[in-house]
Protein backbone atom coordinates (compact mmCIF):
# COMPACT_ATOMS: atom_id res chain seq x y z
CA UNK A 1 -0.30 0.01 0.46
CA UNK A 2 1.37 3.28 -0.68
CA UNK A 3 2.94 5.31 2.71
CA UNK A 4 0.92 8.23 1.98
CA UNK A 5 -2.55 6.33 1.77
CA UNK A 6 -3.93 6.49 5.75
CA UNK A 7 -6.82 4.18 6.84
CA UNK A 8 -8.87 6.97 6.65
CA UNK A 9 -9.03 7.47 3.15
CA UNK A 10 -9.40 3.56 2.06
CA UNK A 11 -12.50 3.74 4.30
CA UNK A 12 -13.80 6.58 1.65
CA UNK A 13 -14.61 6.59 -1.52
CA UNK A 14 -11.64 8.27 -3.62
CA UNK A 15 -12.23 9.76 -7.25
CA UNK A 16 -9.55 8.67 -9.68
CA UNK A 17 -8.96 12.57 -9.99
CA UNK A 18 -7.71 11.89 -6.06
CA UNK A 19 -6.27 8.13 -6.78
CA UNK A 20 -4.25 9.42 -9.98
CA UNK A 21 -2.97 11.69 -7.38
CA UNK A 22 -1.97 9.59 -4.69
CA UNK A 23 0.04 7.98 -7.63
CA UNK A 24 -1.90 4.69 -8.45
CA UNK A 25 -2.39 3.91 -12.36
CA UNK A 26 -6.27 3.26 -13.67
CA UNK A 27 -6.48 0.59 -15.09
CA UNK A 28 -7.65 1.22 -18.75
CA UNK A 29 -11.30 -1.29 -18.68
CA UNK A 30 -12.14 1.53 -15.64
CA UNK A 31 -12.07 4.69 -18.13
CA UNK A 32 -15.20 4.98 -19.86
CA UNK A 33 -14.26 5.85 -23.69
CA UNK A 34 -15.95 8.88 -25.19
CA UNK A 35 -15.04 7.87 -28.58
CA UNK A 36 -15.73 4.43 -28.84
CA UNK A 37 -13.42 2.76 -31.02
CA UNK A 38 -14.27 -0.99 -32.63
CA UNK A 39 -11.95 -3.61 -31.04
CA UNK A 40 -13.47 -6.81 -33.83
CA UNK A 41 -14.47 -7.09 -37.13
CA UNK A 42 -17.67 -8.45 -36.67
CA UNK A 43 -20.20 -7.41 -39.05
CA UNK A 44 -18.29 -6.13 -41.81
CA UNK A 45 -20.82 -7.76 -44.34
CA UNK A 46 -22.33 -5.08 -46.10
CA UNK A 47 -26.18 -4.65 -45.39
CA UNK A 48 -26.66 -4.68 -49.59
CA UNK A 49 -24.84 -8.07 -49.45
CA UNK A 50 -26.89 -9.91 -46.15
CA UNK A 51 -30.34 -8.72 -47.54
CA UNK A 52 -29.72 -10.44 -51.09
CA UNK A 53 -28.54 -13.46 -49.24
CA UNK A 54 -31.02 -14.88 -47.48
CA UNK A 55 -33.57 -14.71 -51.05
CA UNK A 56 -30.78 -16.47 -51.92
CA UNK A 57 -31.03 -19.29 -49.52
CA UNK A 58 -35.08 -20.04 -50.05
CA UNK A 59 -34.26 -20.08 -53.67
CA UNK A 60 -32.87 -23.78 -52.65
CA UNK A 61 -29.33 -22.70 -52.88
CA UNK A 62 -26.89 -24.21 -50.14
CA UNK A 63 -26.48 -21.67 -47.09
CA UNK A 64 -22.64 -21.90 -47.68
CA UNK A 65 -22.84 -21.53 -50.97
CA UNK A 66 -24.73 -18.23 -50.52
CA UNK A 67 -22.60 -17.12 -47.38
CA UNK A 68 -19.04 -17.45 -49.78
CA UNK A 69 -20.85 -15.40 -52.76
CA UNK A 70 -22.29 -12.95 -50.27
CA UNK A 71 -19.62 -12.41 -47.96
CA UNK A 72 -21.95 -12.74 -44.78
CA UNK A 73 -20.90 -15.62 -42.57
CA UNK A 74 -22.75 -18.40 -42.00
CA UNK A 75 -24.18 -18.83 -39.21
CA UNK A 76 -25.51 -14.78 -39.30
CA UNK A 77 -26.96 -16.01 -42.38
CA UNK A 78 -28.81 -18.88 -40.60
CA UNK A 79 -29.77 -16.66 -37.81
CA UNK A 80 -31.27 -13.54 -40.11
CA UNK A 81 -32.91 -15.63 -42.26
CA UNK A 82 -34.92 -18.71 -39.69
CA UNK A 83 -35.56 -15.05 -37.47
CA UNK A 84 -33.76 -15.97 -34.66
CA UNK A 85 -32.18 -13.25 -34.11
CA UNK A 86 -34.70 -11.00 -31.55
CA UNK A 87 -32.81 -8.23 -31.73
CA UNK A 88 -31.96 -7.11 -35.69
CA UNK A 89 -34.39 -8.02 -38.34
CA UNK A 90 -33.75 -8.53 -42.44
CA UNK A 91 -30.47 -6.59 -42.73
CA UNK A 92 -30.08 -4.30 -39.36
CA UNK A 93 -26.42 -4.36 -38.16
CA UNK A 94 -27.06 -5.05 -34.65
CA UNK A 95 -24.40 -5.87 -31.77
CA UNK A 96 -24.77 -6.66 -28.21
CA UNK A 97 -27.87 -5.91 -26.73
CA UNK A 98 -27.33 -2.36 -26.10
CA UNK A 99 -30.17 -0.21 -27.99
CA UNK A 100 -30.29 3.72 -27.97
CA UNK A 101 -33.93 4.46 -25.27
CA UNK A 102 -36.13 6.46 -28.14
CA UNK A 103 -36.26 4.18 -31.57
CA UNK A 104 -35.93 6.22 -34.76
CA UNK A 105 -39.18 7.52 -35.30
CA UNK A 106 -39.08 8.83 -32.02
CA UNK A 107 -36.02 10.58 -31.95
CA UNK A 108 -37.82 11.81 -35.80
CA UNK A 109 -40.33 12.91 -34.14
CA UNK A 110 -37.83 15.42 -31.25
CA UNK A 111 -35.72 16.26 -33.98
CA UNK A 112 -38.95 17.64 -36.05
CA UNK A 113 -39.80 19.66 -32.56
CA UNK A 114 -36.50 21.24 -32.26
CA UNK A 115 -36.62 22.64 -35.72
CA UNK A 116 -39.96 23.75 -35.68
CA UNK A 117 -39.07 25.77 -32.24
CA UNK A 118 -35.75 26.55 -34.31
CA UNK A 119 -38.07 27.85 -37.19
CA UNK A 120 -39.96 30.24 -34.41
CA UNK A 121 -36.88 31.34 -32.91
CA UNK A 122 -37.64 30.27 -30.18
CA UNK A 123 -34.17 27.46 -30.63
CA UNK A 124 -33.62 24.98 -28.00
CA UNK A 125 -31.18 24.78 -25.74
CA UNK A 126 -28.73 21.78 -24.79
CA UNK A 127 -30.14 22.09 -20.83
CA UNK A 128 -33.91 22.43 -22.89
CA UNK A 129 -32.99 19.08 -25.37
CA UNK A 130 -31.73 16.62 -22.06
CA UNK A 131 -34.77 17.95 -19.80
CA UNK A 132 -37.30 16.70 -23.00
CA UNK A 133 -35.65 13.77 -23.35
CA UNK A 134 -35.95 12.88 -19.39
CA UNK A 135 -39.77 13.80 -19.93
CA UNK A 136 -40.28 12.34 -22.99
CA UNK A 137 -39.58 9.00 -21.05
CA UNK A 138 -41.28 9.01 -18.24
CA UNK A 139 -44.25 10.33 -20.03
CA UNK A 140 -44.46 7.18 -22.44
CA UNK A 141 -42.83 4.31 -20.22
CA UNK A 142 -39.43 4.10 -21.41
CA UNK A 143 -37.03 2.53 -19.63
CA UNK A 144 -33.83 4.97 -19.23
CA UNK A 145 -30.17 5.95 -17.50
CA UNK A 146 -30.92 9.28 -17.23
CA UNK A 147 -30.60 10.84 -13.75
CA UNK A 148 -34.36 10.51 -11.58
CA UNK A 149 -33.00 13.57 -9.15
CA UNK A 150 -31.59 15.87 -11.95
CA UNK A 151 -34.57 15.75 -14.00
CA UNK A 152 -33.15 15.33 -17.40
CA UNK A 153 -30.74 13.29 -19.59
CA UNK A 154 -26.84 12.88 -19.44
CA UNK A 155 -24.28 14.57 -21.91
CA UNK A 156 -23.51 10.68 -23.18
CA UNK A 157 -26.74 10.68 -24.53
CA UNK A 158 -27.08 14.26 -26.47
CA UNK A 159 -23.39 13.30 -27.52
CA UNK A 160 -24.60 10.03 -29.30
CA UNK A 161 -28.15 11.94 -30.32
CA UNK A 162 -26.37 14.36 -32.10
CA UNK A 163 -23.87 11.91 -33.58
CA UNK A 164 -26.67 9.79 -34.87
CA UNK A 165 -28.73 13.55 -36.09
CA UNK A 166 -25.22 14.87 -38.31
CA UNK A 167 -27.89 17.77 -39.48
CA UNK A 168 -27.97 19.57 -36.01
CA UNK A 169 -24.96 21.16 -34.49
CA UNK A 170 -24.87 24.21 -32.21
CA UNK A 171 -24.81 27.45 -32.32
CA UNK A 172 -24.75 31.31 -30.77
CA UNK A 173 -27.98 32.86 -31.89
CA UNK A 174 -28.39 36.56 -32.33
CA UNK A 175 -30.52 38.37 -29.81
CA UNK A 176 -34.25 39.33 -31.04
CA UNK A 177 -36.60 41.46 -29.68
CA UNK A 178 -39.77 40.02 -29.18
CA UNK A 179 -40.97 43.79 -31.11
CA UNK A 180 -38.80 43.49 -33.59
CA UNK A 181 -39.73 40.11 -34.07
CA UNK A 182 -42.92 40.05 -34.38
CA UNK A 183 -43.38 44.07 -36.97
CA UNK A 184 -40.79 43.17 -39.65
CA UNK A 185 -42.19 40.66 -42.15
CA UNK A 186 -42.55 40.99 -46.01
CA UNK A 187 -45.70 43.28 -46.45
CA UNK A 188 -44.48 46.14 -43.29
CA UNK A 189 -41.05 46.53 -45.25
CA UNK A 190 -42.66 46.67 -48.56
CA UNK A 191 -44.80 49.55 -47.08
CA UNK A 192 -41.61 51.12 -45.37
CA UNK A 193 -39.83 51.30 -48.93
CA UNK A 194 -43.06 52.50 -50.68
CA UNK A 195 -43.29 55.33 -48.46
CA UNK A 196 -39.57 56.45 -48.72
CA UNK A 197 -39.57 56.37 -52.16
CA UNK A 198 -42.63 58.62 -52.02
CA UNK A 199 -40.79 60.78 -49.81
CA UNK A 200 -37.81 60.99 -51.74
CA UNK A 201 -39.21 61.71 -55.04
CA UNK A 202 -41.27 64.47 -53.03
CA UNK A 203 -38.84 65.62 -51.32
CA UNK A 204 -36.05 65.17 -54.45
CA UNK A 205 -33.83 64.66 -51.84
CA UNK A 206 -30.82 62.47 -53.39
CA UNK A 207 -29.65 59.45 -52.04
CA UNK A 208 -26.38 60.91 -49.92
CA UNK A 209 -28.73 62.48 -47.48
CA UNK A 210 -30.08 59.77 -45.98
CA UNK A 211 -28.81 58.73 -42.99
CA UNK A 212 -29.02 55.02 -40.77
CA UNK A 213 -29.60 56.05 -37.16
CA UNK A 214 -29.30 53.08 -34.55
CA UNK A 215 -29.65 53.36 -30.78
CA UNK A 216 -26.00 53.97 -30.11
CA UNK A 217 -25.00 52.63 -26.87
CA UNK A 218 -28.51 51.55 -26.54
CA UNK A 219 -29.43 48.02 -26.04
CA UNK A 220 -32.94 46.28 -25.28
CA UNK A 221 -31.74 42.77 -26.09
CA UNK A 222 -28.95 40.09 -23.65
CA UNK A 223 -25.50 40.55 -25.43
CA UNK A 224 -24.99 37.39 -24.86
CA UNK A 225 -26.51 33.95 -25.34
CA UNK A 226 -26.28 30.54 -24.76
CA UNK A 227 -25.68 28.30 -27.83
CA UNK A 228 -28.60 26.80 -29.01
CA UNK A 229 -29.44 23.35 -31.85
CA UNK A 230 -29.55 24.44 -35.14
CA UNK A 231 -29.82 23.14 -38.08
CA UNK A 232 -26.35 22.81 -40.49
CA UNK A 233 -26.58 25.63 -43.70
CA UNK A 234 -28.72 28.08 -41.63
CA UNK A 235 -27.17 31.92 -42.35
CA UNK A 236 -28.59 33.26 -39.30
CA UNK A 237 -29.51 31.97 -36.13
CA UNK A 238 -32.20 34.46 -34.08
CA UNK A 239 -33.58 34.15 -30.99
CA UNK A 240 -36.38 35.79 -29.71
CA UNK A 241 -35.82 37.14 -25.80
């Protein structure tokens, strides 16, 4: 035992940071990877080959021959063809018993809600997304590993969610007042420029006499905003404050 560790330290829970500072080496298996790296070549076949192989076996071709021609392992082909694989059905790949909390259909509904909120300039922050995921799981009685005390999903779930839906990103929004958001529309802008044109022609005002007067040093909206979830390719992200 390290002489720097006393009996009281051993009886209490010790964090990884504390163990490292005391000179202990943490086993690699105890550290949770943030970016998983594959250590096997299982299921390296293509989904197209798996969809064609069972059809060939049903037409009378032996499993071994269909396996050689498609490159799909013979036992995998048998399980898929006989429907013995309860997790993976058809040509879908699925390793292990781990699966996502929500189905693809439920996650697509989640994404649609996020995009609708973005269009309305009420974008959701990371905290909003995590809380919404927890509420969705609770309301639909879906088994989940989310924190009940915090009432939200974890950072790992959000990381996987963003990887599965790579068309959404974190952006820094531009603050927009509610008055401006509701008042600025095509009809109002057209009326403004129509009045401006008529006034300029009647008064014979040259273009260089038209000045833009801003509210100097006056700010009616916050200058700093929390990053929000937005769609990739959006030129400007505004948020009503």
